Amino acid sequence: MLSNHGGRQLDRALVPFHLQPHVVREVGKDANIMIDTGIMNGADIVAAIALSASFTLVARAYLCGLMAGGRAGVDRTIAILRVEIVRTMKLLGVSSLEPKHVTQLQWLAPRAGCESGPEG
């Protein structure tokens, strides 16, 4: 279980999603890996599964649906997540996932010789 429930208090703590590839390397792909931190939409679920998670938990989304509409709100949350998962898979053009399907934003320094600005 990869979790960071102390994340609100420990804002400099490691993000479980970023640790996932290292954990998979250490425990092997046959281990059940669960992620419950940072799952905010269907694309996050797709990324976690692509990085070898067995499944994800969606506590925040579930609770928001519950507070907004009770059982019907939870059902709506699940329906939204399902649509987002299907849409993400279609946009990727895949029926199965691999780690190569996940990209992460990084702060990149300009490379030497690259011009900046739209004219470059």
Protein backbone atom coordinates (compact mmCIF):
# COMPACT_ATOMS: atom_id res chain seq x y z
CA MET A 1 0.00 0.00 0.00
CA LEU A 2 1.50 3.27 -1.11
CA SER A 3 -0.03 6.10 0.87
CA ASN A 4 0.87 9.51 2.19
CA HIS A 5 -1.87 10.38 4.63
CA GLY A 6 0.57 12.69 6.39
CA GLY A 7 0.94 14.66 3.16
CA ARG A 8 -1.12 17.59 4.35
CA GLN A 9 1.12 18.02 7.36
CA LEU A 10 4.34 16.89 5.70
CA ASP A 11 4.18 18.81 2.45
CA ARG A 12 7.78 17.87 1.63
CA ALA A 13 7.16 14.13 2.01
CA LEU A 14 7.66 11.90 -1.00
CA VAL A 15 4.63 11.43 -3.26
CA PRO A 16 3.60 7.74 -3.42
CA PHE A 17 2.82 7.95 -7.15
CA HIS A 18 6.43 8.99 -7.82
CA LEU A 19 7.73 6.17 -5.62
CA GLN A 20 5.71 3.51 -7.42
CA PRO A 21 8.29 2.61 -10.12
CA HIS A 22 10.95 2.15 -7.41
CA VAL A 23 8.63 -0.01 -5.30
CA VAL A 24 7.76 -2.20 -8.30
CA ARG A 25 11.46 -2.65 -9.02
CA GLU A 26 12.10 -3.73 -5.42
CA VAL A 27 9.10 -6.03 -4.82
CA GLY A 28 8.58 -7.29 -8.37
CA LYS A 29 5.64 -7.05 -10.75
CA ASP A 30 3.86 -10.01 -9.16
CA ALA A 31 3.27 -8.16 -5.88
CA ASN A 32 -0.09 -6.46 -5.33
CA ILE A 33 0.55 -2.73 -5.26
CA MET A 34 -2.20 -0.39 -4.14
CA ILE A 35 -2.16 3.40 -4.43
CA ASP A 36 -4.45 5.62 -2.39
CA THR A 37 -2.85 9.04 -2.56
CA GLY A 38 -3.16 11.53 -5.39
CA ILE A 39 -5.92 9.78 -7.33
CA MET A 40 -8.11 12.67 -8.44
CA ASN A 41 -9.47 11.47 -11.79
CA GLY A 42 -9.59 8.58 -14.22
CA ALA A 43 -6.30 9.56 -15.87
CA ASP A 44 -4.58 9.15 -12.48
CA ILE A 45 -6.04 5.64 -12.23
CA VAL A 46 -4.79 4.81 -15.73
CA ALA A 47 -1.31 6.10 -14.87
CA ALA A 48 -1.17 4.09 -11.63
CA ILE A 49 -2.26 0.90 -13.41
CA ALA A 50 0.25 1.54 -16.23
CA LEU A 51 2.99 1.76 -13.59
CA SER A 52 1.97 -1.71 -12.31
CA ALA A 53 -0.50 -0.89 -9.54
CA SER A 54 -2.96 -3.70 -8.93
CA PHE A 55 -5.63 -1.12 -8.13
CA THR A 56 -6.21 2.32 -6.69
CA LEU A 57 -8.39 3.67 -3.93
CA VAL A 58 -10.40 6.83 -4.54
CA ALA A 59 -11.26 8.08 -1.06
CA ARG A 60 -11.35 11.80 -1.82
CA ALA A 61 -13.47 11.44 -4.95
CA TYR A 62 -15.75 8.98 -3.17
CA LEU A 63 -16.21 11.30 -0.19
CA CYS A 64 -16.92 14.32 -2.41
CA GLY A 65 -19.62 12.33 -4.20
CA LEU A 66 -21.04 11.13 -0.89
CA MET A 67 -21.20 14.65 0.54
CA ALA A 68 -22.73 16.07 -2.63
CA GLY A 69 -25.43 13.49 -3.18
CA GLY A 70 -25.32 10.50 -0.86
CA ARG A 71 -25.40 7.13 -2.58
CA ALA A 72 -26.41 8.72 -5.90
CA GLY A 73 -23.40 11.04 -5.60
CA VAL A 74 -21.06 8.08 -5.12
CA ASP A 75 -22.62 6.30 -8.11
CA ARG A 76 -22.11 9.48 -10.16
CA THR A 77 -18.47 9.70 -9.03
CA ILE A 78 -17.84 6.13 -10.17
CA ALA A 79 -19.55 6.83 -13.50
CA ILE A 80 -17.37 9.92 -14.04
CA LEU A 81 -14.19 7.97 -13.21
CA ARG A 82 -15.22 5.21 -15.62
CA VAL A 83 -15.77 7.73 -18.46
CA GLU A 84 -12.40 9.35 -17.74
CA ILE A 85 -10.62 5.97 -17.76
CA VAL A 86 -12.20 4.97 -21.08
CA ARG A 87 -11.46 8.38 -22.62
CA THR A 88 -7.82 8.26 -21.49
CA MET A 89 -7.37 4.76 -22.92
CA LYS A 90 -8.91 5.87 -26.24
CA LEU A 91 -6.71 8.96 -26.39
CA LEU A 92 -3.68 6.75 -25.79
CA GLY A 93 -4.95 4.39 -28.49
CA VAL A 94 -4.29 1.32 -26.35
CA SER A 95 -6.22 -1.58 -24.87
CA SER A 96 -3.54 -2.47 -22.33
CA LEU A 97 -1.14 -0.30 -20.39
CA GLU A 98 2.61 -0.19 -19.92
CA PRO A 99 4.88 2.20 -18.01
CA LYS A 100 5.85 3.90 -21.28
CA HIS A 101 2.30 5.29 -21.45
CA VAL A 102 2.97 7.51 -18.43
CA THR A 103 4.76 10.81 -18.74
CA GLN A 104 5.29 13.27 -15.96
CA LEU A 105 5.86 16.98 -16.09
CA GLN A 106 9.37 17.96 -15.16
CA TRP A 107 11.06 21.27 -14.71
CA LEU A 108 13.56 21.31 -17.53
CA ALA A 109 16.46 23.67 -17.94
CA PRO A 110 16.86 25.06 -21.47
CA ARG A 111 19.33 23.05 -23.50
CA ALA A 112 22.40 24.78 -24.80
CA GLY A 113 21.88 26.08 -28.32
CA CYS A 114 18.08 26.17 -28.08
CA GLU A 115 16.51 29.51 -28.82
CA SER A 116 13.82 30.76 -26.49
CA GLY A 117 10.58 32.33 -27.59
CA PRO A 118 8.18 31.57 -30.44
CA GLU A 119 10.55 32.78 -33.14
CA GLY A 120 13.35 30.36 -32.17
